[in-house]
Amino acid sequence: MRLFSEFPDDTQALFHKLYSNYYTKMLRYATTIFNTRGASNPSDGRAEEAVQEAFAYAWVNQDKLFSSPNPEGWLFKVLYYKVLERIRD
């Protein structure tokens, strides 16, 4: 993936770019999951919190993210599980 080769030595810049490129798409995905499970009110903020948790997890586990053959898929899978955790709570 081109995004991950743009800043090979600057992890903070890469994460900023990652966040900028994927936040809206991930928020939409999380909101859709909550809505299809009848588990969310658009104003309750759980989708936004799940997206933030997914990015925090990615930051801590960047070795897994960067070594994944599909980093975007890895990030969205993490988000999926973060949403499920919030639904169960």
C-alpha atoms as a PDB file:
ATOM      1  CA  MET A   1       0.000   0.000   0.000  1.00  0.00           C
ATOM      2  CA  ARG A   2       1.478   3.327  -1.074  1.00  0.00           C
ATOM      3  CA  LEU A   3       0.439   5.191   2.087  1.00  0.00           C
ATOM      4  CA  PHE A   4       2.706   3.043   4.225  1.00  0.00           C
ATOM      5  CA  SER A   5       5.775   3.705   2.125  1.00  0.00           C
ATOM      6  CA  GLU A   6       5.435   7.485   2.136  1.00  0.00           C
ATOM      7  CA  PHE A   7       6.892   8.054   5.620  1.00  0.00           C
ATOM      8  CA  PRO A   8       9.097   5.057   6.392  1.00  0.00           C
ATOM      9  CA  ASP A   9      11.003   6.812   9.197  1.00  0.00           C
ATOM     10  CA  ASP A  10       8.326   9.086  10.609  1.00  0.00           C
ATOM     11  CA  THR A  11       5.679   7.072  12.431  1.00  0.00           C
ATOM     12  CA  GLN A  12       3.824  10.120  13.775  1.00  0.00           C
ATOM     13  CA  ALA A  13       3.458  11.607  10.309  1.00  0.00           C
ATOM     14  CA  LEU A  14       2.271   8.252   8.988  1.00  0.00           C
ATOM     15  CA  PHE A  15      -0.343   7.958  11.711  1.00  0.00           C
ATOM     16  CA  HIS A  16      -1.528  11.488  11.073  1.00  0.00           C
ATOM     17  CA  LYS A  17      -1.926  10.625   7.396  1.00  0.00           C
ATOM     18  CA  LEU A  18      -3.587   7.321   8.264  1.00  0.00           C
ATOM     19  CA  TYR A  19      -6.030   9.102  10.568  1.00  0.00           C
ATOM     20  CA  SER A  20      -6.772  11.774   7.961  1.00  0.00           C
ATOM     21  CA  ASN A  21      -7.336   9.230   5.201  1.00  0.00           C
ATOM     22  CA  TYR A  22      -9.440   6.716   7.109  1.00  0.00           C
ATOM     23  CA  TYR A  23     -11.284   8.470   9.953  1.00  0.00           C
ATOM     24  CA  THR A  24     -14.428   9.353   7.994  1.00  0.00           C
ATOM     25  CA  LYS A  25     -14.613   5.981   6.273  1.00  0.00           C
ATOM     26  CA  MET A  26     -14.115   4.161   9.582  1.00  0.00           C
ATOM     27  CA  LEU A  27     -16.715   6.314  11.340  1.00  0.00           C
ATOM     28  CA  ARG A  28     -19.233   5.509   8.618  1.00  0.00           C
ATOM     29  CA  TYR A  29     -18.418   1.782   8.935  1.00  0.00           C
ATOM     30  CA  ALA A  30     -18.756   1.814  12.734  1.00  0.00           C
ATOM     31  CA  THR A  31     -22.038   3.732  12.552  1.00  0.00           C
ATOM     32  CA  THR A  32     -23.394   1.228  10.045  1.00  0.00           C
ATOM     33  CA  ILE A  33     -22.528  -1.704  12.298  1.00  0.00           C
ATOM     34  CA  PHE A  34     -24.175  -0.060  15.307  1.00  0.00           C
ATOM     35  CA  ASN A  35     -27.277   0.800  13.284  1.00  0.00           C
ATOM     36  CA  THR A  36     -27.689  -2.643  11.717  1.00  0.00           C
ATOM     37  CA  ARG A  37     -27.534  -4.198  15.162  1.00  0.00           C
ATOM     38  CA  GLY A  38     -30.037  -1.695  16.544  1.00  0.00           C
ATOM     39  CA  ALA A  39     -27.468  -0.718  19.126  1.00  0.00           C
ATOM     40  CA  SER A  40     -26.860   2.950  18.591  1.00  0.00           C
ATOM     41  CA  ASN A  41     -28.339   6.363  18.685  1.00  0.00           C
ATOM     42  CA  PRO A  42     -26.466   8.683  16.283  1.00  0.00           C
ATOM     43  CA  SER A  43     -25.818  11.175  19.064  1.00  0.00           C
ATOM     44  CA  ASP A  44     -24.464   8.776  21.669  1.00  0.00           C
ATOM     45  CA  GLY A  45     -20.870   8.920  20.398  1.00  0.00           C
ATOM     46  CA  ARG A  46     -20.133   5.207  20.573  1.00  0.00           C
ATOM     47  CA  ALA A  47     -19.087   5.006  16.915  1.00  0.00           C
ATOM     48  CA  GLU A  48     -16.588   7.847  17.391  1.00  0.00           C
ATOM     49  CA  GLU A  49     -15.226   6.189  20.538  1.00  0.00           C
ATOM     50  CA  ALA A  50     -14.808   2.866  18.740  1.00  0.00           C
ATOM     51  CA  VAL A  51     -12.871   4.565  15.930  1.00  0.00           C
ATOM     52  CA  GLN A  52     -10.606   6.312  18.446  1.00  0.00           C
ATOM     53  CA  GLU A  53     -10.012   3.011  20.241  1.00  0.00           C
ATOM     54  CA  ALA A  54      -9.135   1.327  16.945  1.00  0.00           C
ATOM     55  CA  PHE A  55      -6.544   4.010  16.182  1.00  0.00           C
ATOM     56  CA  ALA A  56      -5.140   3.754  19.715  1.00  0.00           C
ATOM     57  CA  TYR A  57      -4.859  -0.018  19.323  1.00  0.00           C
ATOM     58  CA  ALA A  58      -3.137   0.465  15.969  1.00  0.00           C
ATOM     59  CA  TRP A  59      -0.648   2.876  17.540  1.00  0.00           C
ATOM     60  CA  VAL A  60       0.265   0.401  20.288  1.00  0.00           C
ATOM     61  CA  ASN A  61       0.380  -2.514  17.823  1.00  0.00           C
ATOM     62  CA  GLN A  62       1.979  -0.748  14.893  1.00  0.00           C
ATOM     63  CA  ASP A  63       4.295  -3.695  14.263  1.00  0.00           C
ATOM     64  CA  LYS A  64       1.232  -5.817  13.432  1.00  0.00           C
ATOM     65  CA  LEU A  65      -0.325  -3.045  11.359  1.00  0.00           C
ATOM     66  CA  PHE A  66       2.787  -2.402   9.292  1.00  0.00           C
ATOM     67  CA  SER A  67       3.608  -6.081   8.806  1.00  0.00           C
ATOM     68  CA  SER A  68       0.091  -6.934   7.643  1.00  0.00           C
ATOM     69  CA  PRO A  69      -0.260  -7.757   3.957  1.00  0.00           C
ATOM     70  CA  ASN A  70      -3.479  -5.686   4.056  1.00  0.00           C
ATOM     71  CA  PRO A  71      -3.060  -2.823   6.562  1.00  0.00           C
ATOM     72  CA  GLU A  72      -6.408  -1.240   5.692  1.00  0.00           C
ATOM     73  CA  GLY A  73      -8.185  -4.551   6.234  1.00  0.00           C
ATOM     74  CA  TRP A  74      -6.326  -5.020   9.518  1.00  0.00           C
ATOM     75  CA  LEU A  75      -7.443  -1.591  10.722  1.00  0.00           C
ATOM     76  CA  PHE A  76     -11.083  -2.193   9.788  1.00  0.00           C
ATOM     77  CA  LYS A  77     -11.054  -5.615  11.462  1.00  0.00           C
ATOM     78  CA  VAL A  78      -9.771  -4.011  14.658  1.00  0.00           C
ATOM     79  CA  LEU A  79     -12.570  -1.446  14.385  1.00  0.00           C
ATOM     80  CA  TYR A  80     -15.151  -4.202  13.892  1.00  0.00           C
ATOM     81  CA  TYR A  81     -14.074  -5.871  17.146  1.00  0.00           C
ATOM     82  CA  LYS A  82     -14.015  -2.525  18.994  1.00  0.00           C
ATOM     83  CA  VAL A  83     -17.606  -1.921  17.890  1.00  0.00           C
ATOM     84  CA  LEU A  84     -18.653  -5.381  19.052  1.00  0.00           C
ATOM     85  CA  GLU A  85     -17.031  -4.732  22.440  1.00  0.00           C
ATOM     86  CA  ARG A  86     -19.079  -1.537  22.777  1.00  0.00           C
ATOM     87  CA  ILE A  87     -22.296  -3.317  21.792  1.00  0.00           C
ATOM     88  CA  ARG A  88     -21.694  -5.960  24.473  1.00  0.00           C
ATOM     89  CA  ASP A  89     -21.041  -3.340  27.171  1.00  0.00           C
END
